[in-house]
Amino acid sequence: MSLKDKVPTLVDTAAQADIHAWRARESWRVFEIMAEFVEAAERLQPIQPAVSIFGSARTPQEHPYYKLTEQVARLLSDAGFSVISGGGPGIMEAANKGAFFGKSPSVGLNIQLPHEQSGNPYQDVSQSFRHFFARKVMFVKHATAYVVMPGGFGTLDELTEALTLIQTGKSRKIPIILVGSAFWGGMVDWFRNILVTEKMIGPDDMNLVQLIDEPQAIVDAIFKYYETRGFEMSPAEREMQFSL
């Protein structure tokens, strides 16, 4: 190989510059993520106890699911729970709206997306995220219970994330309440008849979820879960939360 062949071309040099710029940007992104976690943790610390409510962004205001969510959120807020939602439209808006007119804070964890989701106007505390995973950690970290309304892939993602963290001991056990027997019943049956039967999960894992339809029964189930231990995390649970 001649000396001439060893001299990098302008194209090669430009490509290497692009690679170095990308690597530098990726390194700085770590600091952006750290800042997002720190800011959110500081802002959300005072909202305890809180309940995270999930559900479809596509649910219109006139839909029964919207009205049911609003009712559940209002009951939770009046009972002393801050209500956390994704801050967007649909079920998220219904959750924030119900809490907004209740006694406790309405919290929206908004995600920045290229073409969709603007924050709903019913938020006492509004926190914006660029990264889905940071937002998902805050949903779990600050929740004393999950209330899961009917929804699509995003709702399923949040549900399975919580189930996985609790099942594997990476997060403390909290009530996970699926609202709507007609909507969720088939999935719960599949868990029991397929996942348990095929030994993909243990029989006791079915105790991680409850299926409840009535709004007041949802509030009662959360209080019942904590009546013998209180809402404050134990030292072991606080330590566990650092593994999220």
C-alpha atoms as a PDB file:
ATOM      1  CA  MET A   1       0.000   0.000   0.000  1.00  0.00           C
ATOM      2  CA  SER A   2       1.424   3.373  -1.003  1.00  0.00           C
ATOM      3  CA  LEU A   3       1.654   6.352   1.329  1.00  0.00           C
ATOM      4  CA  LYS A   4      -0.996   8.034  -0.787  1.00  0.00           C
ATOM      5  CA  ASP A   5      -3.476   5.240  -0.043  1.00  0.00           C
ATOM      6  CA  LYS A   6      -3.034   5.801   3.682  1.00  0.00           C
ATOM      7  CA  VAL A   7      -4.064   9.479   3.581  1.00  0.00           C
ATOM      8  CA  PRO A   8      -7.719   9.843   4.680  1.00  0.00           C
ATOM      9  CA  THR A   9     -10.048  11.399   2.168  1.00  0.00           C
ATOM     10  CA  LEU A  10     -12.270  14.359   2.956  1.00  0.00           C
ATOM     11  CA  VAL A  11     -15.230  11.965   3.022  1.00  0.00           C
ATOM     12  CA  ASP A  12     -13.504   9.749   5.599  1.00  0.00           C
ATOM     13  CA  THR A  13     -12.592  12.748   7.716  1.00  0.00           C
ATOM     14  CA  ALA A  14     -16.135  14.101   7.630  1.00  0.00           C
ATOM     15  CA  ALA A  15     -17.539  10.717   8.604  1.00  0.00           C
ATOM     16  CA  GLN A  16     -15.158  10.464  11.557  1.00  0.00           C
ATOM     17  CA  ALA A  17     -16.144  13.969  12.654  1.00  0.00           C
ATOM     18  CA  ASP A  18     -19.807  12.979  12.567  1.00  0.00           C
ATOM     19  CA  ILE A  19     -19.079   9.900  14.685  1.00  0.00           C
ATOM     20  CA  HIS A  20     -17.156  11.949  17.282  1.00  0.00           C
ATOM     21  CA  ALA A  21     -19.936  14.544  17.400  1.00  0.00           C
ATOM     22  CA  TRP A  22     -22.528  11.820  17.920  1.00  0.00           C
ATOM     23  CA  ARG A  23     -20.489  10.251  20.717  1.00  0.00           C
ATOM     24  CA  ALA A  24     -20.072  13.606  22.436  1.00  0.00           C
ATOM     25  CA  ARG A  25     -23.788  14.261  22.174  1.00  0.00           C
ATOM     26  CA  GLU A  26     -24.528  10.797  23.603  1.00  0.00           C
ATOM     27  CA  SER A  27     -22.250  11.500  26.568  1.00  0.00           C
ATOM     28  CA  TRP A  28     -23.930  14.826  27.315  1.00  0.00           C
ATOM     29  CA  ARG A  29     -27.308  13.105  27.074  1.00  0.00           C
ATOM     30  CA  VAL A  30     -26.446  11.274  30.302  1.00  0.00           C
ATOM     31  CA  PHE A  31     -26.366  14.624  32.102  1.00  0.00           C
ATOM     32  CA  GLU A  32     -29.714  15.595  30.554  1.00  0.00           C
ATOM     33  CA  ILE A  33     -31.218  12.374  31.914  1.00  0.00           C
ATOM     34  CA  MET A  34     -29.712  12.989  35.350  1.00  0.00           C
ATOM     35  CA  ALA A  35     -31.144  16.509  35.402  1.00  0.00           C
ATOM     36  CA  GLU A  36     -34.571  15.177  34.423  1.00  0.00           C
ATOM     37  CA  PHE A  37     -34.555  12.686  37.292  1.00  0.00           C
ATOM     38  CA  VAL A  38     -33.340  15.248  39.853  1.00  0.00           C
ATOM     39  CA  GLU A  39     -35.876  17.907  38.869  1.00  0.00           C
ATOM     40  CA  ALA A  40     -38.786  15.455  38.851  1.00  0.00           C
ATOM     41  CA  ALA A  41     -37.811  13.844  42.160  1.00  0.00           C
ATOM     42  CA  GLU A  42     -37.615  17.212  43.903  1.00  0.00           C
ATOM     43  CA  ARG A  43     -40.926  18.472  42.516  1.00  0.00           C
ATOM     44  CA  LEU A  44     -42.872  15.283  43.223  1.00  0.00           C
ATOM     45  CA  GLN A  45     -41.577  14.519  46.694  1.00  0.00           C
ATOM     46  CA  PRO A  46     -44.294  16.577  48.512  1.00  0.00           C
ATOM     47  CA  ILE A  47     -47.282  14.911  46.794  1.00  0.00           C
ATOM     48  CA  GLN A  48     -47.441  11.765  48.969  1.00  0.00           C
ATOM     49  CA  PRO A  49     -49.565   9.708  49.235  1.00  0.00           C
ATOM     50  CA  ALA A  50     -50.396   9.472  45.541  1.00  0.00           C
ATOM     51  CA  VAL A  51     -52.191   7.141  43.159  1.00  0.00           C
ATOM     52  CA  SER A  52     -51.160   6.784  39.511  1.00  0.00           C
ATOM     53  CA  ILE A  53     -54.015   6.401  37.026  1.00  0.00           C
ATOM     54  CA  PHE A  54     -53.430   5.090  33.501  1.00  0.00           C
ATOM     55  CA  GLY A  55     -55.648   4.731  30.463  1.00  0.00           C
ATOM     56  CA  SER A  56     -56.127   5.569  26.816  1.00  0.00           C
ATOM     57  CA  ALA A  57     -55.329   9.022  25.431  1.00  0.00           C
ATOM     58  CA  ARG A  58     -57.970   8.376  22.744  1.00  0.00           C
ATOM     59  CA  THR A  59     -61.003   8.202  25.024  1.00  0.00           C
ATOM     60  CA  PRO A  60     -63.417  11.091  24.257  1.00  0.00           C
ATOM     61  CA  GLN A  61     -65.006  13.164  27.001  1.00  0.00           C
ATOM     62  CA  GLU A  62     -68.469  11.739  26.397  1.00  0.00           C
ATOM     63  CA  HIS A  63     -67.319   8.124  26.779  1.00  0.00           C
ATOM     64  CA  PRO A  64     -68.369   6.205  29.930  1.00  0.00           C
ATOM     65  CA  TYR A  65     -64.699   5.351  30.625  1.00  0.00           C
ATOM     66  CA  TYR A  66     -63.888   9.075  30.785  1.00  0.00           C
ATOM     67  CA  LYS A  67     -66.708   9.786  33.204  1.00  0.00           C
ATOM     68  CA  LEU A  68     -65.810   6.748  35.323  1.00  0.00           C
ATOM     69  CA  THR A  69     -62.182   7.861  35.532  1.00  0.00           C
ATOM     70  CA  GLU A  70     -63.194  11.359  36.544  1.00  0.00           C
ATOM     71  CA  GLN A  71     -65.366   9.932  39.311  1.00  0.00           C
ATOM     72  CA  VAL A  72     -62.608   7.614  40.584  1.00  0.00           C
ATOM     73  CA  ALA A  73     -60.061  10.436  40.589  1.00  0.00           C
ATOM     74  CA  ARG A  74     -62.387  12.775  42.473  1.00  0.00           C
ATOM     75  CA  LEU A  75     -63.016  10.146  45.159  1.00  0.00           C
ATOM     76  CA  LEU A  76     -59.289   9.499  45.519  1.00  0.00           C
ATOM     77  CA  SER A  77     -58.511  13.221  45.715  1.00  0.00           C
ATOM     78  CA  ASP A  78     -61.181  13.845  48.339  1.00  0.00           C
ATOM     79  CA  ALA A  79     -59.858  10.846  50.302  1.00  0.00           C
ATOM     80  CA  GLY A  80     -56.426  12.503  50.546  1.00  0.00           C
ATOM     81  CA  PHE A  81     -54.529  11.024  47.590  1.00  0.00           C
ATOM     82  CA  SER A  82     -52.729  13.109  45.019  1.00  0.00           C
ATOM     83  CA  VAL A  83     -53.635  11.765  41.585  1.00  0.00           C
ATOM     84  CA  ILE A  84     -50.879  11.257  38.995  1.00  0.00           C
ATOM     85  CA  SER A  85     -51.644  10.877  35.296  1.00  0.00           C
ATOM     86  CA  GLY A  86     -49.696  11.202  32.060  1.00  0.00           C
ATOM     87  CA  GLY A  87     -50.939  14.767  31.697  1.00  0.00           C
ATOM     88  CA  GLY A  88     -52.410  14.334  28.223  1.00  0.00           C
ATOM     89  CA  PRO A  89     -55.923  13.932  26.795  1.00  0.00           C
ATOM     90  CA  GLY A  90     -58.476  11.141  27.180  1.00  0.00           C
ATOM     91  CA  ILE A  91     -58.320   9.095  30.379  1.00  0.00           C
ATOM     92  CA  MET A  92     -55.321  11.136  31.513  1.00  0.00           C
ATOM     93  CA  GLU A  93     -57.362  14.312  31.291  1.00  0.00           C
ATOM     94  CA  ALA A  94     -60.288  12.695  33.113  1.00  0.00           C
ATOM     95  CA  ALA A  95     -57.983  11.648  35.952  1.00  0.00           C
ATOM     96  CA  ASN A  96     -56.488  15.117  36.279  1.00  0.00           C
ATOM     97  CA  LYS A  97     -59.895  16.778  35.995  1.00  0.00           C
ATOM     98  CA  GLY A  98     -61.446  14.696  38.752  1.00  0.00           C
ATOM     99  CA  ALA A  99     -58.521  15.378  41.079  1.00  0.00           C
ATOM    100  CA  PHE A 100     -58.300  19.058  40.125  1.00  0.00           C
ATOM    101  CA  PHE A 101     -61.739  19.725  41.584  1.00  0.00           C
ATOM    102  CA  GLY A 102     -61.031  17.556  44.629  1.00  0.00           C
ATOM    103  CA  LYS A 103     -59.086  18.270  47.809  1.00  0.00           C
ATOM    104  CA  SER A 104     -55.660  16.906  46.827  1.00  0.00           C
ATOM    105  CA  PRO A 105     -53.195  17.838  44.073  1.00  0.00           C
ATOM    106  CA  SER A 106     -53.685  16.842  40.441  1.00  0.00           C
ATOM    107  CA  VAL A 107     -50.318  15.862  38.957  1.00  0.00           C
ATOM    108  CA  GLY A 108     -49.451  15.503  35.271  1.00  0.00           C
ATOM    109  CA  LEU A 109     -46.270  13.797  34.078  1.00  0.00           C
ATOM    110  CA  ASN A 110     -46.230  15.085  30.526  1.00  0.00           C
ATOM    111  CA  ILE A 111     -44.153  13.534  27.748  1.00  0.00           C
ATOM    112  CA  GLN A 112     -42.737  15.607  24.893  1.00  0.00           C
ATOM    113  CA  LEU A 113     -43.709  13.973  21.591  1.00  0.00           C
ATOM    114  CA  PRO A 114     -43.064  15.223  18.024  1.00  0.00           C
ATOM    115  CA  HIS A 115     -46.654  15.338  16.811  1.00  0.00           C
ATOM    116  CA  GLU A 116     -49.017  14.672  19.702  1.00  0.00           C
ATOM    117  CA  GLN A 117     -49.967  15.137  23.360  1.00  0.00           C
ATOM    118  CA  SER A 118     -50.392  18.619  24.665  1.00  0.00           C
ATOM    119  CA  GLY A 119     -50.897  18.956  28.398  1.00  0.00           C
ATOM    120  CA  ASN A 120     -54.456  19.101  29.690  1.00  0.00           C
ATOM    121  CA  PRO A 121     -55.483  22.174  31.729  1.00  0.00           C
ATOM    122  CA  TYR A 122     -56.357  20.307  34.958  1.00  0.00           C
ATOM    123  CA  GLN A 123     -52.908  20.080  36.565  1.00  0.00           C
ATOM    124  CA  ASP A 124     -51.851  21.592  39.877  1.00  0.00           C
ATOM    125  CA  VAL A 125     -48.371  20.140  39.380  1.00  0.00           C
ATOM    126  CA  SER A 126     -47.081  19.689  35.836  1.00  0.00           C
ATOM    127  CA  GLN A 127     -43.755  18.002  35.118  1.00  0.00           C
ATOM    128  CA  SER A 128     -42.456  17.558  31.578  1.00  0.00           C
ATOM    129  CA  PHE A 129     -40.245  14.681  30.389  1.00  0.00           C
ATOM    130  CA  ARG A 130     -38.257  14.038  27.222  1.00  0.00           C
ATOM    131  CA  HIS A 131     -37.538  10.395  28.055  1.00  0.00           C
ATOM    132  CA  PHE A 132     -40.228   7.774  28.496  1.00  0.00           C
ATOM    133  CA  PHE A 133     -38.155   5.685  30.904  1.00  0.00           C
ATOM    134  CA  ALA A 134     -37.563   8.575  33.322  1.00  0.00           C
ATOM    135  CA  ARG A 135     -41.282   9.329  33.307  1.00  0.00           C
ATOM    136  CA  LYS A 136     -42.143   5.668  33.951  1.00  0.00           C
ATOM    137  CA  VAL A 137     -39.838   5.566  36.973  1.00  0.00           C
ATOM    138  CA  MET A 138     -41.674   8.545  38.490  1.00  0.00           C
ATOM    139  CA  PHE A 139     -45.054   6.878  37.978  1.00  0.00           C
ATOM    140  CA  VAL A 140     -43.883   3.939  40.096  1.00  0.00           C
ATOM    141  CA  LYS A 141     -41.615   5.758  42.554  1.00  0.00           C
ATOM    142  CA  HIS A 142     -44.302   8.102  43.859  1.00  0.00           C
ATOM    143  CA  ALA A 143     -47.346   5.815  43.707  1.00  0.00           C
ATOM    144  CA  THR A 144     -48.960   4.071  46.650  1.00  0.00           C
ATOM    145  CA  ALA A 145     -51.332   2.364  44.190  1.00  0.00           C
ATOM    146  CA  TYR A 146     -51.930   1.897  40.459  1.00  0.00           C
ATOM    147  CA  VAL A 147     -55.408   2.321  39.004  1.00  0.00           C
ATOM    148  CA  VAL A 148     -55.462   1.033  35.441  1.00  0.00           C
ATOM    149  CA  MET A 149     -58.357   2.101  33.257  1.00  0.00           C
ATOM    150  CA  PRO A 150     -59.020   0.704  29.753  1.00  0.00           C
ATOM    151  CA  GLY A 151     -56.238   1.605  27.359  1.00  0.00           C
ATOM    152  CA  GLY A 152     -53.920   0.517  24.574  1.00  0.00           C
ATOM    153  CA  PHE A 153     -50.225  -0.258  24.202  1.00  0.00           C
ATOM    154  CA  GLY A 154     -49.067   2.587  26.452  1.00  0.00           C
ATOM    155  CA  THR A 155     -51.391   1.488  29.244  1.00  0.00           C
ATOM    156  CA  LEU A 156     -50.265  -2.121  28.873  1.00  0.00           C
ATOM    157  CA  ASP A 157     -46.658  -0.954  28.966  1.00  0.00           C
ATOM    158  CA  GLU A 158     -47.193   0.852  32.273  1.00  0.00           C
ATOM    159  CA  LEU A 159     -49.107  -2.103  33.711  1.00  0.00           C
ATOM    160  CA  THR A 160     -46.531  -4.730  32.776  1.00  0.00           C
ATOM    161  CA  GLU A 161     -43.696  -2.474  33.912  1.00  0.00           C
ATOM    162  CA  ALA A 162     -45.229  -2.241  37.382  1.00  0.00           C
ATOM    163  CA  LEU A 163     -45.967  -5.963  37.520  1.00  0.00           C
ATOM    164  CA  THR A 164     -42.404  -6.797  36.493  1.00  0.00           C
ATOM    165  CA  LEU A 165     -40.802  -4.440  39.023  1.00  0.00           C
ATOM    166  CA  ILE A 166     -42.925  -5.786  41.877  1.00  0.00           C
ATOM    167  CA  GLN A 167     -42.580  -9.430  40.846  1.00  0.00           C
ATOM    168  CA  THR A 168     -38.785  -9.155  40.679  1.00  0.00           C
ATOM    169  CA  GLY A 169     -38.467  -7.241  43.942  1.00  0.00           C
ATOM    170  CA  LYS A 170     -37.190  -4.056  42.302  1.00  0.00           C
ATOM    171  CA  SER A 171     -40.129  -2.081  43.677  1.00  0.00           C
ATOM    172  CA  ARG A 172     -42.287  -2.349  46.765  1.00  0.00           C
ATOM    173  CA  LYS A 173     -45.611  -4.127  46.490  1.00  0.00           C
ATOM    174  CA  ILE A 174     -48.550  -1.773  45.936  1.00  0.00           C
ATOM    175  CA  PRO A 175     -52.190  -2.371  44.954  1.00  0.00           C
ATOM    176  CA  ILE A 176     -52.613  -2.667  41.185  1.00  0.00           C
ATOM    177  CA  ILE A 177     -56.291  -2.287  40.375  1.00  0.00           C
ATOM    178  CA  LEU A 178     -57.702  -3.005  36.927  1.00  0.00           C
ATOM    179  CA  VAL A 179     -60.957  -1.124  36.402  1.00  0.00           C
ATOM    180  CA  GLY A 180     -63.486  -2.741  34.083  1.00  0.00           C
ATOM    181  CA  SER A 181     -64.195  -6.468  34.255  1.00  0.00           C
ATOM    182  CA  ALA A 182     -65.539  -6.522  30.696  1.00  0.00           C
ATOM    183  CA  PHE A 183     -62.367  -4.901  29.366  1.00  0.00           C
ATOM    184  CA  TRP A 184     -59.663  -6.601  31.450  1.00  0.00           C
ATOM    185  CA  GLY A 185     -61.343  -9.903  32.307  1.00  0.00           C
ATOM    186  CA  GLY A 186     -60.101 -11.726  29.208  1.00  0.00           C
ATOM    187  CA  MET A 187     -56.506 -10.713  29.896  1.00  0.00           C
ATOM    188  CA  VAL A 188     -56.737 -11.805  33.534  1.00  0.00           C
ATOM    189  CA  ASP A 189     -58.176 -15.152  32.415  1.00  0.00           C
ATOM    190  CA  TRP A 190     -55.276 -15.508  29.984  1.00  0.00           C
ATOM    191  CA  PHE A 191     -52.813 -14.807  32.794  1.00  0.00           C
ATOM    192  CA  ARG A 192     -54.434 -17.529  34.876  1.00  0.00           C
ATOM    193  CA  ASN A 193     -55.157 -20.125  32.186  1.00  0.00           C
ATOM    194  CA  ILE A 194     -52.040 -19.720  30.054  1.00  0.00           C
ATOM    195  CA  LEU A 195     -49.227 -17.978  31.947  1.00  0.00           C
ATOM    196  CA  VAL A 196     -49.805 -19.841  35.216  1.00  0.00           C
ATOM    197  CA  THR A 197     -50.573 -23.166  33.507  1.00  0.00           C
ATOM    198  CA  GLU A 198     -47.463 -22.893  31.333  1.00  0.00           C
ATOM    199  CA  LYS A 199     -45.440 -21.910  34.430  1.00  0.00           C
ATOM    200  CA  MET A 200     -44.472 -18.565  32.910  1.00  0.00           C
ATOM    201  CA  ILE A 201     -45.561 -16.939  36.184  1.00  0.00           C
ATOM    202  CA  GLY A 202     -46.339 -18.414  39.596  1.00  0.00           C
ATOM    203  CA  PRO A 203     -49.873 -18.829  40.964  1.00  0.00           C
ATOM    204  CA  ASP A 204     -49.124 -16.226  43.639  1.00  0.00           C
ATOM    205  CA  ASP A 205     -48.359 -13.654  40.944  1.00  0.00           C
ATOM    206  CA  MET A 206     -52.076 -13.465  40.251  1.00  0.00           C
ATOM    207  CA  ASN A 207     -52.407 -11.752  43.637  1.00  0.00           C
ATOM    208  CA  LEU A 208     -50.543  -8.741  42.253  1.00  0.00           C
ATOM    209  CA  VAL A 209     -53.667  -7.510  40.448  1.00  0.00           C
ATOM    210  CA  GLN A 210     -57.258  -6.874  41.503  1.00  0.00           C
ATOM    211  CA  LEU A 211     -60.236  -6.473  39.196  1.00  0.00           C
ATOM    212  CA  ILE A 212     -62.694  -3.868  40.539  1.00  0.00           C
ATOM    213  CA  ASP A 213     -65.534  -2.017  38.822  1.00  0.00           C
ATOM    214  CA  GLU A 214     -67.063   0.288  41.444  1.00  0.00           C
ATOM    215  CA  PRO A 215     -65.322   3.654  42.152  1.00  0.00           C
ATOM    216  CA  GLN A 216     -65.799   3.612  45.926  1.00  0.00           C
ATOM    217  CA  ALA A 217     -64.650  -0.013  46.084  1.00  0.00           C
ATOM    218  CA  ILE A 218     -61.383   1.087  44.465  1.00  0.00           C
ATOM    219  CA  VAL A 219     -60.737   3.639  47.206  1.00  0.00           C
ATOM    220  CA  ASP A 220     -61.752   1.138  49.889  1.00  0.00           C
ATOM    221  CA  ALA A 221     -59.366  -1.496  48.483  1.00  0.00           C
ATOM    222  CA  ILE A 222     -56.425   0.905  48.674  1.00  0.00           C
ATOM    223  CA  PHE A 223     -57.207   1.882  52.265  1.00  0.00           C
ATOM    224  CA  LYS A 224     -57.679  -1.773  53.212  1.00  0.00           C
ATOM    225  CA  TYR A 225     -54.265  -2.666  51.827  1.00  0.00           C
ATOM    226  CA  TYR A 226     -52.548  -0.025  53.971  1.00  0.00           C
ATOM    227  CA  GLU A 227     -54.696  -0.120  57.108  1.00  0.00           C
ATOM    228  CA  THR A 228     -52.265  -2.319  59.061  1.00  0.00           C
ATOM    229  CA  ARG A 229     -49.030  -0.681  57.908  1.00  0.00           C
ATOM    230  CA  GLY A 230     -49.673   2.949  56.914  1.00  0.00           C
ATOM    231  CA  PHE A 231     -48.624   4.721  53.744  1.00  0.00           C
ATOM    232  CA  GLU A 232     -45.085   5.533  54.814  1.00  0.00           C
ATOM    233  CA  MET A 233     -42.404   3.310  53.260  1.00  0.00           C
ATOM    234  CA  SER A 234     -40.308   1.175  55.545  1.00  0.00           C
ATOM    235  CA  PRO A 235     -36.499   1.636  55.493  1.00  0.00           C
ATOM    236  CA  ALA A 236     -36.209  -1.568  53.426  1.00  0.00           C
ATOM    237  CA  GLU A 237     -38.742  -0.272  50.907  1.00  0.00           C
ATOM    238  CA  ARG A 238     -36.945   3.066  50.650  1.00  0.00           C
ATOM    239  CA  GLU A 239     -33.740   1.205  49.910  1.00  0.00           C
ATOM    240  CA  MET A 240     -35.563  -0.927  47.335  1.00  0.00           C
ATOM    241  CA  GLN A 241     -36.732   2.189  45.478  1.00  0.00           C
ATOM    242  CA  PHE A 242     -33.126   3.036  44.642  1.00  0.00           C
ATOM    243  CA  SER A 243     -33.103  -0.032  42.370  1.00  0.00           C
ATOM    244  CA  LEU A 244     -35.846   1.317  40.094  1.00  0.00           C
END
